[in-house]
Amino acid sequence: MDDNSLPQTASNVKIGSLAPDFTARTTRGPLTLSALRGRWVVLFSHPADFTPVCTSEFLAFAQAQPQFEALNCALVGLSIDSLPSHIAWLEAIRRAFGVRVDFPLIEDPSMAIARAYGMLDDSNQDSGTVRATFIIAPDGIIQAILWYPLSIGRSVNEILRSVAALQRASQGDALTPEGWQPGEDVLCPLAACQADIAENEETWFHVLKKDRPV
């Protein structure tokens, strides 16, 4: 893995910042994060291969991959385990469940990527606390960060929904309300509704009744 360009701390990795670039070995060959520019990316880490919660997540991500692809969103997994361990684990998943994991899984034995993204504290010597998800826009800017403890599996459906909501909001003409799903009503940005609000203060919660996806 080429980690020479990675920052030594994660103090600046936050929503709105540029995702740290890296080149690493994966189960699908070498990968450079910036080579995925032009697509949305879900970069997610897991504590360890051959563990029950992580296996359940990978099954769900693999089964939902066509839905992510329909959103022009690439899935990229990561853990500090070695490439041979990754390959053996994904083959075990295929044999046990009949599910192929076709998205890349990064090896990070030096923990350089995990630390650059704040997935690990600088003093950590293992991956026990790593279960992080970063949603990255086509321009490389981090749009959402989701954190889960070791004992709790992520909701792949919520990550998928979040990507769709971020894409809708990125069009600039709407906000998405709680639990929004594609095709449902959206909210008008306050700045676009100031004239209406001046006449009727109740319009601060303005719903566009007919969403028109682009």
N, C-alpha and C. Protein backbone atom coordinates (compact mmCIF):
# COMPACT_ATOMS: atom_id res chain seq x y z
N MET A 1 0.84 -1.20 0.00
CA MET A 1 0.00 0.00 0.00
C MET A 1 0.87 1.24 0.00
N ASP A 2 0.52 2.20 -0.82
CA ASP A 2 1.22 3.48 -0.85
C ASP A 2 0.52 4.44 0.08
N ASP A 3 1.11 4.65 1.28
CA ASP A 3 0.46 5.51 2.26
C ASP A 3 1.28 6.76 2.54
N ASN A 4 2.23 7.08 1.65
CA ASN A 4 3.11 8.21 1.90
C ASN A 4 2.36 9.54 1.93
N SER A 5 1.24 9.61 1.19
CA SER A 5 0.51 10.87 1.11
C SER A 5 -0.57 11.01 2.17
N LEU A 6 -0.75 9.97 2.98
CA LEU A 6 -1.81 10.02 3.98
C LEU A 6 -1.41 10.90 5.15
N PRO A 7 -2.37 11.65 5.72
CA PRO A 7 -2.07 12.47 6.89
C PRO A 7 -1.78 11.60 8.10
N GLN A 8 -1.02 12.13 9.03
CA GLN A 8 -0.66 11.38 10.23
C GLN A 8 -1.75 11.42 11.29
N THR A 9 -2.65 12.39 11.20
CA THR A 9 -3.77 12.46 12.13
C THR A 9 -5.05 12.62 11.34
N ALA A 10 -6.19 12.41 12.03
CA ALA A 10 -7.48 12.50 11.35
C ALA A 10 -8.27 13.72 11.79
N SER A 11 -7.58 14.73 12.33
CA SER A 11 -8.29 15.88 12.90
C SER A 11 -9.11 16.63 11.87
N ASN A 12 -8.74 16.55 10.58
CA ASN A 12 -9.45 17.30 9.55
C ASN A 12 -10.41 16.44 8.74
N VAL A 13 -10.56 15.17 9.09
CA VAL A 13 -11.47 14.30 8.36
C VAL A 13 -12.87 14.47 8.94
N LYS A 14 -13.71 15.18 8.21
CA LYS A 14 -15.05 15.49 8.68
C LYS A 14 -15.94 15.73 7.47
N ILE A 15 -17.23 15.88 7.72
CA ILE A 15 -18.15 16.20 6.64
C ILE A 15 -17.72 17.52 5.99
N GLY A 16 -17.61 17.50 4.68
CA GLY A 16 -17.21 18.69 3.95
C GLY A 16 -15.73 18.74 3.62
N SER A 17 -14.95 17.78 4.13
CA SER A 17 -13.52 17.76 3.83
C SER A 17 -13.22 16.77 2.71
N LEU A 18 -12.08 16.94 2.08
CA LEU A 18 -11.66 16.05 1.02
C LEU A 18 -11.23 14.71 1.61
N ALA A 19 -11.77 13.62 1.06
CA ALA A 19 -11.42 12.29 1.57
C ALA A 19 -9.94 12.02 1.31
N PRO A 20 -9.17 11.62 2.33
CA PRO A 20 -7.75 11.32 2.11
C PRO A 20 -7.57 10.27 1.02
N ASP A 21 -6.69 10.54 0.10
CA ASP A 21 -6.44 9.61 -1.00
C ASP A 21 -5.47 8.51 -0.56
N PHE A 22 -5.53 7.39 -1.23
CA PHE A 22 -4.61 6.29 -0.95
C PHE A 22 -4.63 5.33 -2.12
N THR A 23 -3.60 4.51 -2.19
CA THR A 23 -3.54 3.38 -3.12
C THR A 23 -3.29 2.13 -2.28
N ALA A 24 -4.07 1.08 -2.51
CA ALA A 24 -3.97 -0.11 -1.67
C ALA A 24 -4.26 -1.37 -2.47
N ARG A 25 -3.85 -2.50 -1.94
CA ARG A 25 -4.20 -3.80 -2.51
C ARG A 25 -5.60 -4.19 -2.04
N THR A 26 -6.37 -4.77 -2.94
CA THR A 26 -7.72 -5.21 -2.60
C THR A 26 -7.99 -6.57 -3.22
N THR A 27 -9.12 -7.14 -2.86
CA THR A 27 -9.53 -8.42 -3.42
C THR A 27 -9.88 -8.32 -4.90
N ARG A 28 -9.98 -7.10 -5.43
CA ARG A 28 -10.29 -6.88 -6.85
C ARG A 28 -9.12 -6.22 -7.55
N GLY A 29 -7.92 -6.31 -6.98
CA GLY A 29 -6.74 -5.69 -7.56
C GLY A 29 -6.41 -4.36 -6.90
N PRO A 30 -5.33 -3.70 -7.36
CA PRO A 30 -4.95 -2.41 -6.77
C PRO A 30 -6.05 -1.37 -6.95
N LEU A 31 -6.19 -0.50 -5.97
CA LEU A 31 -7.22 0.53 -6.02
C LEU A 31 -6.65 1.84 -5.50
N THR A 32 -6.88 2.91 -6.25
CA THR A 32 -6.58 4.27 -5.81
C THR A 32 -7.91 4.98 -5.64
N LEU A 33 -8.15 5.51 -4.45
CA LEU A 33 -9.46 6.10 -4.17
C LEU A 33 -9.81 7.20 -5.17
N SER A 34 -8.87 8.06 -5.49
CA SER A 34 -9.17 9.17 -6.39
C SER A 34 -9.53 8.71 -7.79
N ALA A 35 -9.21 7.45 -8.13
CA ALA A 35 -9.59 6.92 -9.45
C ALA A 35 -11.10 6.72 -9.55
N LEU A 36 -11.79 6.78 -8.41
CA LEU A 36 -13.24 6.63 -8.40
C LEU A 36 -13.96 7.96 -8.51
N ARG A 37 -13.22 9.06 -8.71
CA ARG A 37 -13.86 10.37 -8.88
C ARG A 37 -14.85 10.30 -10.03
N GLY A 38 -15.97 10.98 -9.86
CA GLY A 38 -17.04 10.91 -10.85
C GLY A 38 -18.14 9.95 -10.41
N ARG A 39 -17.87 9.18 -9.37
CA ARG A 39 -18.87 8.28 -8.79
C ARG A 39 -19.02 8.60 -7.31
N TRP A 40 -20.17 8.28 -6.76
CA TRP A 40 -20.32 8.27 -5.31
C TRP A 40 -19.60 7.04 -4.78
N VAL A 41 -19.11 7.13 -3.56
CA VAL A 41 -18.38 6.02 -2.94
C VAL A 41 -18.86 5.83 -1.51
N VAL A 42 -19.11 4.58 -1.14
CA VAL A 42 -19.32 4.22 0.26
C VAL A 42 -18.09 3.44 0.70
N LEU A 43 -17.26 4.08 1.52
CA LEU A 43 -16.06 3.45 2.08
C LEU A 43 -16.39 3.03 3.50
N PHE A 44 -16.33 1.73 3.76
CA PHE A 44 -16.73 1.26 5.10
C PHE A 44 -15.70 0.27 5.63
N SER A 45 -15.47 0.35 6.93
CA SER A 45 -14.50 -0.53 7.58
C SER A 45 -15.21 -1.51 8.50
N HIS A 46 -14.56 -2.65 8.72
CA HIS A 46 -15.10 -3.63 9.66
C HIS A 46 -13.97 -4.11 10.56
N PRO A 47 -14.28 -4.56 11.78
CA PRO A 47 -13.24 -4.93 12.74
C PRO A 47 -12.36 -6.10 12.34
N ALA A 48 -12.95 -7.16 11.78
CA ALA A 48 -12.13 -8.34 11.48
C ALA A 48 -12.86 -9.28 10.56
N ASP A 49 -12.10 -10.01 9.75
CA ASP A 49 -12.66 -11.07 8.91
C ASP A 49 -13.13 -12.23 9.79
N PHE A 50 -13.99 -13.07 9.23
CA PHE A 50 -14.46 -14.29 9.90
C PHE A 50 -15.12 -14.00 11.25
N THR A 51 -15.87 -12.90 11.32
CA THR A 51 -16.63 -12.59 12.53
C THR A 51 -18.11 -12.48 12.16
N PRO A 52 -19.01 -12.83 13.09
CA PRO A 52 -20.43 -12.93 12.74
C PRO A 52 -21.08 -11.62 12.27
N VAL A 53 -20.87 -10.53 13.03
CA VAL A 53 -21.53 -9.27 12.66
C VAL A 53 -21.01 -8.78 11.31
N CYS A 54 -19.69 -8.84 11.12
CA CYS A 54 -19.11 -8.38 9.85
C CYS A 54 -19.60 -9.22 8.68
N THR A 55 -19.74 -10.52 8.90
CA THR A 55 -20.24 -11.40 7.84
C THR A 55 -21.66 -11.01 7.46
N SER A 56 -22.49 -10.71 8.45
CA SER A 56 -23.88 -10.31 8.16
C SER A 56 -23.90 -9.02 7.36
N GLU A 57 -22.99 -8.10 7.66
CA GLU A 57 -22.94 -6.84 6.92
C GLU A 57 -22.50 -7.08 5.47
N PHE A 58 -21.50 -7.91 5.28
CA PHE A 58 -21.01 -8.15 3.92
C PHE A 58 -22.05 -8.87 3.08
N LEU A 59 -22.80 -9.75 3.68
CA LEU A 59 -23.89 -10.38 2.95
C LEU A 59 -24.89 -9.32 2.48
N ALA A 60 -25.24 -8.40 3.38
CA ALA A 60 -26.22 -7.37 3.04
C ALA A 60 -25.66 -6.40 1.99
N PHE A 61 -24.41 -5.99 2.13
CA PHE A 61 -23.82 -5.09 1.14
C PHE A 61 -23.75 -5.77 -0.23
N ALA A 62 -23.33 -7.03 -0.26
CA ALA A 62 -23.22 -7.74 -1.53
C ALA A 62 -24.58 -7.88 -2.21
N GLN A 63 -25.61 -8.18 -1.43
CA GLN A 63 -26.95 -8.33 -2.00
C GLN A 63 -27.53 -7.00 -2.47
N ALA A 64 -27.10 -5.90 -1.83
CA ALA A 64 -27.60 -4.58 -2.21
C ALA A 64 -26.72 -3.90 -3.25
N GLN A 65 -25.62 -4.53 -3.66
CA GLN A 65 -24.71 -3.87 -4.60
C GLN A 65 -25.40 -3.40 -5.87
N PRO A 66 -26.31 -4.17 -6.48
CA PRO A 66 -26.98 -3.65 -7.68
C PRO A 66 -27.74 -2.34 -7.43
N GLN A 67 -28.30 -2.18 -6.24
CA GLN A 67 -29.01 -0.94 -5.92
C GLN A 67 -28.04 0.22 -5.79
N PHE A 68 -26.86 -0.03 -5.19
CA PHE A 68 -25.84 1.01 -5.12
C PHE A 68 -25.35 1.36 -6.52
N GLU A 69 -25.13 0.35 -7.34
CA GLU A 69 -24.66 0.59 -8.70
C GLU A 69 -25.67 1.43 -9.48
N ALA A 70 -26.96 1.21 -9.24
CA ALA A 70 -27.99 2.00 -9.92
C ALA A 70 -27.91 3.48 -9.55
N LEU A 71 -27.31 3.77 -8.39
CA LEU A 71 -27.11 5.14 -7.94
C LEU A 71 -25.72 5.66 -8.32
N ASN A 72 -25.01 4.92 -9.17
CA ASN A 72 -23.64 5.27 -9.55
C ASN A 72 -22.76 5.38 -8.31
N CYS A 73 -22.91 4.42 -7.40
CA CYS A 73 -22.19 4.43 -6.13
C CYS A 73 -21.36 3.15 -6.00
N ALA A 74 -20.07 3.32 -5.77
CA ALA A 74 -19.16 2.19 -5.60
C ALA A 74 -19.05 1.84 -4.12
N LEU A 75 -19.03 0.55 -3.83
CA LEU A 75 -18.79 0.05 -2.48
C LEU A 75 -17.33 -0.33 -2.34
N VAL A 76 -16.71 0.09 -1.22
CA VAL A 76 -15.32 -0.26 -0.95
C VAL A 76 -15.20 -0.61 0.54
N GLY A 77 -14.84 -1.86 0.82
CA GLY A 77 -14.66 -2.29 2.20
C GLY A 77 -13.21 -2.21 2.63
N LEU A 78 -12.99 -2.25 3.95
CA LEU A 78 -11.63 -2.14 4.49
C LEU A 78 -11.54 -2.78 5.85
N SER A 79 -10.45 -3.49 6.10
CA SER A 79 -10.05 -3.85 7.47
C SER A 79 -8.54 -4.03 7.50
N ILE A 80 -7.98 -4.16 8.67
CA ILE A 80 -6.53 -4.31 8.77
C ILE A 80 -6.07 -5.73 8.45
N ASP A 81 -7.00 -6.65 8.22
CA ASP A 81 -6.62 -8.01 7.89
C ASP A 81 -5.86 -8.05 6.56
N SER A 82 -5.10 -9.13 6.36
CA SER A 82 -4.29 -9.26 5.15
C SER A 82 -5.13 -9.64 3.94
N LEU A 83 -4.57 -9.45 2.77
CA LEU A 83 -5.27 -9.83 1.55
C LEU A 83 -5.59 -11.33 1.50
N PRO A 84 -4.65 -12.22 1.87
CA PRO A 84 -5.00 -13.64 1.90
C PRO A 84 -6.17 -13.95 2.83
N SER A 85 -6.24 -13.26 3.97
CA SER A 85 -7.36 -13.45 4.90
C SER A 85 -8.66 -13.00 4.26
N HIS A 86 -8.62 -11.83 3.60
CA HIS A 86 -9.81 -11.33 2.91
C HIS A 86 -10.32 -12.33 1.88
N ILE A 87 -9.40 -12.82 1.06
CA ILE A 87 -9.78 -13.75 -0.01
C ILE A 87 -10.40 -15.02 0.56
N ALA A 88 -9.78 -15.55 1.63
CA ALA A 88 -10.30 -16.77 2.25
C ALA A 88 -11.68 -16.53 2.86
N TRP A 89 -11.87 -15.37 3.48
CA TRP A 89 -13.16 -15.06 4.11
C TRP A 89 -14.26 -14.91 3.06
N LEU A 90 -13.98 -14.19 2.00
CA LEU A 90 -15.00 -14.00 0.96
C LEU A 90 -15.34 -15.33 0.28
N GLU A 91 -14.36 -16.21 0.15
CA GLU A 91 -14.64 -17.52 -0.42
C GLU A 91 -15.50 -18.35 0.54
N ALA A 92 -15.23 -18.21 1.85
CA ALA A 92 -16.04 -18.91 2.85
C ALA A 92 -17.48 -18.41 2.81
N ILE A 93 -17.67 -17.11 2.62
CA ILE A 93 -19.02 -16.54 2.49
C ILE A 93 -19.72 -17.13 1.27
N ARG A 94 -19.00 -17.22 0.16
CA ARG A 94 -19.59 -17.77 -1.06
C ARG A 94 -20.02 -19.21 -0.87
N ARG A 95 -19.16 -20.00 -0.22
CA ARG A 95 -19.48 -21.41 -0.03
C ARG A 95 -20.62 -21.61 0.97
N ALA A 96 -20.64 -20.82 2.03
CA ALA A 96 -21.64 -21.00 3.08
C ALA A 96 -23.00 -20.44 2.70
N PHE A 97 -23.00 -19.31 1.96
CA PHE A 97 -24.26 -18.60 1.72
C PHE A 97 -24.61 -18.46 0.24
N GLY A 98 -23.70 -18.85 -0.64
CA GLY A 98 -23.96 -18.71 -2.07
C GLY A 98 -23.98 -17.28 -2.54
N VAL A 99 -23.31 -16.39 -1.81
CA VAL A 99 -23.28 -14.96 -2.14
C VAL A 99 -21.86 -14.56 -2.50
N ARG A 100 -21.68 -13.95 -3.67
CA ARG A 100 -20.38 -13.46 -4.09
C ARG A 100 -20.23 -11.99 -3.70
N VAL A 101 -19.10 -11.67 -3.12
CA VAL A 101 -18.78 -10.27 -2.81
C VAL A 101 -17.91 -9.74 -3.94
N ASP A 102 -18.49 -8.93 -4.80
CA ASP A 102 -17.80 -8.46 -6.00
C ASP A 102 -17.20 -7.08 -5.86
N PHE A 103 -17.43 -6.39 -4.76
CA PHE A 103 -16.80 -5.09 -4.57
C PHE A 103 -15.44 -5.28 -3.88
N PRO A 104 -14.52 -4.34 -4.03
CA PRO A 104 -13.17 -4.51 -3.46
C PRO A 104 -13.15 -4.42 -1.94
N LEU A 105 -12.31 -5.25 -1.35
CA LEU A 105 -12.07 -5.23 0.09
C LEU A 105 -10.59 -4.95 0.29
N ILE A 106 -10.28 -3.82 0.91
CA ILE A 106 -8.91 -3.34 1.07
C ILE A 106 -8.22 -4.02 2.25
N GLU A 107 -6.95 -4.36 2.08
CA GLU A 107 -6.13 -4.76 3.21
C GLU A 107 -5.43 -3.51 3.75
N ASP A 108 -5.35 -3.42 5.07
CA ASP A 108 -4.73 -2.24 5.70
C ASP A 108 -3.90 -2.69 6.91
N PRO A 109 -2.92 -3.58 6.70
CA PRO A 109 -2.17 -4.14 7.83
C PRO A 109 -1.38 -3.09 8.61
N SER A 110 -0.97 -2.00 7.95
CA SER A 110 -0.24 -0.95 8.67
C SER A 110 -1.17 -0.01 9.42
N MET A 111 -2.47 -0.16 9.20
CA MET A 111 -3.50 0.69 9.81
C MET A 111 -3.39 2.15 9.37
N ALA A 112 -2.66 2.41 8.28
CA ALA A 112 -2.46 3.79 7.82
C ALA A 112 -3.77 4.42 7.35
N ILE A 113 -4.56 3.66 6.58
CA ILE A 113 -5.82 4.22 6.08
C ILE A 113 -6.81 4.41 7.23
N ALA A 114 -6.92 3.39 8.09
CA ALA A 114 -7.84 3.49 9.22
C ALA A 114 -7.53 4.69 10.09
N ARG A 115 -6.26 4.94 10.32
CA ARG A 115 -5.89 6.08 11.17
C ARG A 115 -6.09 7.40 10.44
N ALA A 116 -5.83 7.43 9.13
CA ALA A 116 -6.02 8.66 8.37
C ALA A 116 -7.47 9.11 8.39
N TYR A 117 -8.39 8.14 8.45
CA TYR A 117 -9.81 8.44 8.46
C TYR A 117 -10.40 8.51 9.88
N GLY A 118 -9.55 8.37 10.89
CA GLY A 118 -10.04 8.43 12.26
C GLY A 118 -10.76 7.19 12.71
N MET A 119 -10.61 6.09 11.97
CA MET A 119 -11.24 4.83 12.35
C MET A 119 -10.54 4.21 13.56
N LEU A 120 -9.29 4.59 13.75
CA LEU A 120 -8.50 4.11 14.88
C LEU A 120 -7.81 5.29 15.53
N ASP A 121 -7.69 5.25 16.83
CA ASP A 121 -6.87 6.22 17.54
C ASP A 121 -5.40 5.92 17.26
N ASP A 122 -4.57 6.94 17.25
CA ASP A 122 -3.14 6.75 16.95
C ASP A 122 -2.48 5.74 17.86
N SER A 123 -2.99 5.57 19.08
CA SER A 123 -2.36 4.65 20.04
C SER A 123 -2.89 3.22 19.92
N ASN A 124 -3.95 3.01 19.13
CA ASN A 124 -4.53 1.67 19.00
C ASN A 124 -3.59 0.75 18.24
N GLN A 125 -3.51 -0.50 18.69
CA GLN A 125 -2.70 -1.50 18.02
C GLN A 125 -3.53 -2.59 17.38
N ASP A 126 -4.85 -2.47 17.43
CA ASP A 126 -5.72 -3.44 16.77
C ASP A 126 -6.92 -2.71 16.19
N SER A 127 -7.81 -3.47 15.56
CA SER A 127 -8.95 -2.85 14.86
C SER A 127 -10.25 -3.01 15.63
N GLY A 128 -10.17 -3.25 16.93
CA GLY A 128 -11.35 -3.57 17.71
C GLY A 128 -12.45 -2.52 17.71
N THR A 129 -12.11 -1.26 17.47
CA THR A 129 -13.13 -0.21 17.52
C THR A 129 -13.59 0.25 16.14
N VAL A 130 -13.11 -0.43 15.10
CA VAL A 130 -13.40 0.05 13.75
C VAL A 130 -14.71 -0.48 13.21
N ARG A 131 -15.69 0.39 13.01
CA ARG A 131 -16.89 0.09 12.23
C ARG A 131 -17.44 1.44 11.76
N ALA A 132 -16.78 1.99 10.74
CA ALA A 132 -17.09 3.33 10.27
C ALA A 132 -17.53 3.30 8.82
N THR A 133 -18.34 4.29 8.44
CA THR A 133 -18.82 4.40 7.06
C THR A 133 -18.70 5.85 6.61
N PHE A 134 -18.09 6.04 5.44
CA PHE A 134 -17.95 7.37 4.85
C PHE A 134 -18.65 7.37 3.49
N ILE A 135 -19.56 8.32 3.29
CA ILE A 135 -20.21 8.50 2.00
C ILE A 135 -19.53 9.68 1.32
N ILE A 136 -18.93 9.42 0.16
CA ILE A 136 -18.08 10.39 -0.53
C ILE A 136 -18.72 10.76 -1.87
N ALA A 137 -18.81 12.05 -2.14
CA ALA A 137 -19.43 12.54 -3.38
C ALA A 137 -18.47 12.37 -4.56
N PRO A 138 -18.97 12.52 -5.79
CA PRO A 138 -18.12 12.35 -6.97
C PRO A 138 -16.91 13.28 -7.02
N ASP A 139 -16.95 14.42 -6.32
CA ASP A 139 -15.81 15.33 -6.31
C ASP A 139 -14.82 15.00 -5.21
N GLY A 140 -15.06 13.90 -4.48
CA GLY A 140 -14.13 13.47 -3.43
C GLY A 140 -14.39 14.06 -2.06
N ILE A 141 -15.47 14.83 -1.92
CA ILE A 141 -15.79 15.47 -0.65
C ILE A 141 -16.65 14.54 0.20
N ILE A 142 -16.31 14.38 1.47
CA ILE A 142 -17.07 13.54 2.39
C ILE A 142 -18.41 14.22 2.70
N GLN A 143 -19.50 13.50 2.47
CA GLN A 143 -20.84 14.04 2.67
C GLN A 143 -21.53 13.52 3.93
N ALA A 144 -21.13 12.34 4.39
CA ALA A 144 -21.75 11.78 5.60
C ALA A 144 -20.76 10.81 6.25
N ILE A 145 -20.81 10.74 7.58
CA ILE A 145 -19.97 9.82 8.35
C ILE A 145 -20.86 9.11 9.35
N LEU A 146 -20.85 7.79 9.34
CA LEU A 146 -21.66 6.99 10.25
C LEU A 146 -20.73 6.11 11.08
N TRP A 147 -20.95 6.10 12.40
CA TRP A 147 -20.10 5.32 13.30
C TRP A 147 -20.95 4.30 14.07
N TYR A 148 -20.42 3.10 14.22
CA TYR A 148 -21.10 2.05 14.97
C TYR A 148 -20.10 1.36 15.87
N PRO A 149 -20.54 0.90 17.05
CA PRO A 149 -19.63 0.16 17.94
C PRO A 149 -19.40 -1.25 17.42
N LEU A 150 -18.45 -1.90 18.02
CA LEU A 150 -18.07 -3.26 17.62
C LEU A 150 -19.26 -4.22 17.63
N SER A 151 -20.15 -4.05 18.59
CA SER A 151 -21.22 -5.02 18.81
C SER A 151 -22.46 -4.81 17.95
N ILE A 152 -22.53 -3.70 17.19
CA ILE A 152 -23.75 -3.34 16.47
C ILE A 152 -23.50 -3.33 14.97
N GLY A 153 -24.28 -4.11 14.23
CA GLY A 153 -24.18 -4.12 12.78
C GLY A 153 -24.88 -2.91 12.17
N ARG A 154 -24.35 -2.46 11.05
CA ARG A 154 -24.94 -1.32 10.34
C ARG A 154 -26.23 -1.71 9.63
N SER A 155 -27.03 -0.71 9.29
CA SER A 155 -28.19 -0.90 8.44
C SER A 155 -27.79 -0.53 7.01
N VAL A 156 -27.64 -1.52 6.16
CA VAL A 156 -27.29 -1.26 4.76
C VAL A 156 -28.41 -0.49 4.07
N ASN A 157 -29.65 -0.77 4.43
CA ASN A 157 -30.78 -0.03 3.85
C ASN A 157 -30.69 1.46 4.17
N GLU A 158 -30.26 1.79 5.38
CA GLU A 158 -30.14 3.20 5.76
C GLU A 158 -28.99 3.86 4.99
N ILE A 159 -27.90 3.15 4.78
CA ILE A 159 -26.78 3.70 4.02
C ILE A 159 -27.22 3.94 2.58
N LEU A 160 -27.96 3.00 2.02
CA LEU A 160 -28.48 3.15 0.66
C LEU A 160 -29.43 4.34 0.59
N ARG A 161 -30.31 4.47 1.58
CA ARG A 161 -31.24 5.61 1.62
C ARG A 161 -30.48 6.92 1.74
N SER A 162 -29.41 6.92 2.55
CA SER A 162 -28.63 8.14 2.75
C SER A 162 -27.97 8.59 1.45
N VAL A 163 -27.44 7.65 0.68
CA VAL A 163 -26.84 7.99 -0.61
C VAL A 163 -27.89 8.62 -1.52
N ALA A 164 -29.07 8.02 -1.59
CA ALA A 164 -30.13 8.55 -2.43
C ALA A 164 -30.55 9.94 -1.96
N ALA A 165 -30.66 10.14 -0.65
CA ALA A 165 -31.05 11.44 -0.11
C ALA A 165 -29.99 12.50 -0.39
N LEU A 166 -28.74 12.15 -0.24
CA LEU A 166 -27.65 13.09 -0.52
C LEU A 166 -27.64 13.47 -2.00
N GLN A 167 -27.89 12.50 -2.86
CA GLN A 167 -27.95 12.80 -4.28
C GLN A 167 -29.10 13.74 -4.61
N ARG A 168 -30.25 13.50 -3.98
CA ARG A 168 -31.41 14.39 -4.23
C ARG A 168 -31.12 15.79 -3.73
N ALA A 169 -30.56 15.90 -2.53
CA ALA A 169 -30.27 17.22 -1.96
C ALA A 169 -29.18 17.94 -2.74
N SER A 170 -28.28 17.20 -3.37
CA SER A 170 -27.18 17.81 -4.11
C SER A 170 -27.66 18.57 -5.35
N GLN A 171 -28.89 18.33 -5.76
CA GLN A 171 -29.44 19.07 -6.90
C GLN A 171 -29.69 20.54 -6.54
N GLY A 172 -29.72 20.84 -5.23
CA GLY A 172 -29.77 22.22 -4.78
C GLY A 172 -31.14 22.85 -4.66
N ASP A 173 -32.20 22.12 -5.04
CA ASP A 173 -33.53 22.73 -5.02
C ASP A 173 -34.43 22.16 -3.93
N ALA A 174 -33.88 21.28 -3.08
CA ALA A 174 -34.73 20.64 -2.08
C ALA A 174 -33.91 20.08 -0.93
N LEU A 175 -34.59 19.92 0.20
CA LEU A 175 -34.05 19.21 1.35
C LEU A 175 -34.89 17.95 1.54
N THR A 176 -34.35 16.93 2.18
CA THR A 176 -35.12 15.71 2.39
C THR A 176 -35.51 15.58 3.86
N PRO A 177 -36.79 15.30 4.14
CA PRO A 177 -37.24 15.17 5.53
C PRO A 177 -36.87 13.83 6.13
N GLU A 178 -37.24 13.65 7.37
CA GLU A 178 -36.95 12.42 8.11
C GLU A 178 -37.46 11.20 7.34
N GLY A 179 -36.60 10.19 7.22
CA GLY A 179 -37.01 8.93 6.62
C GLY A 179 -37.30 9.00 5.14
N TRP A 180 -36.89 10.08 4.47
CA TRP A 180 -37.23 10.26 3.05
C TRP A 180 -36.78 9.09 2.19
N GLN A 181 -37.62 8.72 1.25
CA GLN A 181 -37.31 7.71 0.24
C GLN A 181 -37.50 8.32 -1.14
N PRO A 182 -36.74 7.86 -2.14
CA PRO A 182 -36.87 8.42 -3.49
C PRO A 182 -38.32 8.44 -3.98
N GLY A 183 -38.73 9.58 -4.53
CA GLY A 183 -40.08 9.75 -5.04
C GLY A 183 -41.05 10.37 -4.05
N GLU A 184 -40.65 10.44 -2.78
CA GLU A 184 -41.52 11.05 -1.77
C GLU A 184 -41.37 12.56 -1.78
N ASP A 185 -42.28 13.25 -1.04
CA ASP A 185 -42.23 14.70 -0.94
C ASP A 185 -40.89 15.15 -0.38
N VAL A 186 -40.45 16.32 -0.85
CA VAL A 186 -39.23 16.93 -0.34
C VAL A 186 -39.56 18.30 0.23
N LEU A 187 -38.60 18.90 0.92
CA LEU A 187 -38.79 20.21 1.54
C LEU A 187 -38.11 21.30 0.73
N CYS A 188 -38.72 22.44 0.69
CA CYS A 188 -38.16 23.59 0.01
C CYS A 188 -37.08 24.22 0.90
N PRO A 189 -35.88 24.50 0.38
CA PRO A 189 -34.87 25.20 1.18
C PRO A 189 -35.42 26.54 1.65
N LEU A 190 -35.11 26.91 2.90
CA LEU A 190 -35.67 28.14 3.47
C LEU A 190 -35.35 29.36 2.61
N ALA A 191 -34.14 29.40 2.06
CA ALA A 191 -33.75 30.57 1.27
C ALA A 191 -34.64 30.74 0.04
N ALA A 192 -35.17 29.64 -0.46
CA ALA A 192 -36.03 29.70 -1.65
C ALA A 192 -37.47 30.02 -1.30
N CYS A 193 -37.78 30.05 -0.01
CA CYS A 193 -39.17 30.26 0.41
C CYS A 193 -39.35 31.56 1.19
N GLN A 194 -38.35 32.44 1.19
CA GLN A 194 -38.41 33.62 2.05
C GLN A 194 -39.60 34.51 1.73
N ALA A 195 -39.92 34.66 0.44
CA ALA A 195 -41.06 35.52 0.08
C ALA A 195 -42.36 34.95 0.61
N ASP A 196 -42.53 33.64 0.47
CA ASP A 196 -43.75 33.01 0.97
C ASP A 196 -43.82 33.10 2.48
N ILE A 197 -42.68 32.93 3.15
CA ILE A 197 -42.65 32.98 4.61
C ILE A 197 -43.04 34.37 5.10
N ALA A 198 -42.61 35.38 4.37
CA ALA A 198 -42.93 36.76 4.76
C ALA A 198 -44.44 36.99 4.77
N GLU A 199 -45.16 36.31 3.87
CA GLU A 199 -46.61 36.46 3.79
C GLU A 199 -47.35 35.51 4.72
N ASN A 200 -46.76 34.34 4.95
CA ASN A 200 -47.43 33.33 5.77
C ASN A 200 -46.38 32.54 6.52
N GLU A 201 -46.23 32.84 7.82
CA GLU A 201 -45.15 32.24 8.59
C GLU A 201 -45.28 30.72 8.69
N GLU A 202 -46.46 30.18 8.42
CA GLU A 202 -46.62 28.73 8.49
C GLU A 202 -45.87 28.02 7.36
N THR A 203 -45.47 28.76 6.33
CA THR A 203 -44.79 28.11 5.20
C THR A 203 -43.32 27.79 5.50
N TRP A 204 -42.85 28.05 6.73
CA TRP A 204 -41.48 27.67 7.06
C TRP A 204 -41.30 26.16 6.93
N PHE A 205 -42.41 25.41 7.05
CA PHE A 205 -42.35 23.96 6.83
C PHE A 205 -43.05 23.69 5.51
N HIS A 206 -42.40 24.07 4.43
CA HIS A 206 -43.00 24.01 3.10
C HIS A 206 -42.64 22.70 2.42
N VAL A 207 -43.64 21.97 1.99
CA VAL A 207 -43.42 20.68 1.31
C VAL A 207 -43.72 20.83 -0.17
N LEU A 208 -42.76 20.43 -0.99
CA LEU A 208 -43.03 20.35 -2.42
C LEU A 208 -43.82 19.06 -2.66
N LYS A 209 -45.07 19.16 -2.93
CA LYS A 209 -45.94 17.98 -2.99
C LYS A 209 -45.59 17.04 -4.13
N LYS A 210 -45.07 17.56 -5.20
CA LYS A 210 -44.73 16.73 -6.34
C LYS A 210 -43.23 16.83 -6.61
N ASP A 211 -42.48 15.87 -6.14
CA ASP A 211 -41.05 15.88 -6.42
C ASP A 211 -40.82 15.49 -7.87
N ARG A 212 -39.84 16.14 -8.48
CA ARG A 212 -39.54 15.85 -9.87
C ARG A 212 -38.08 15.45 -9.97
N PRO A 213 -37.80 14.16 -9.80
CA PRO A 213 -36.39 13.72 -9.85
C PRO A 213 -35.76 14.06 -11.20
N VAL A 214 -34.49 14.41 -11.16
CA VAL A 214 -33.76 14.73 -12.38
C VAL A 214 -33.11 13.46 -12.92
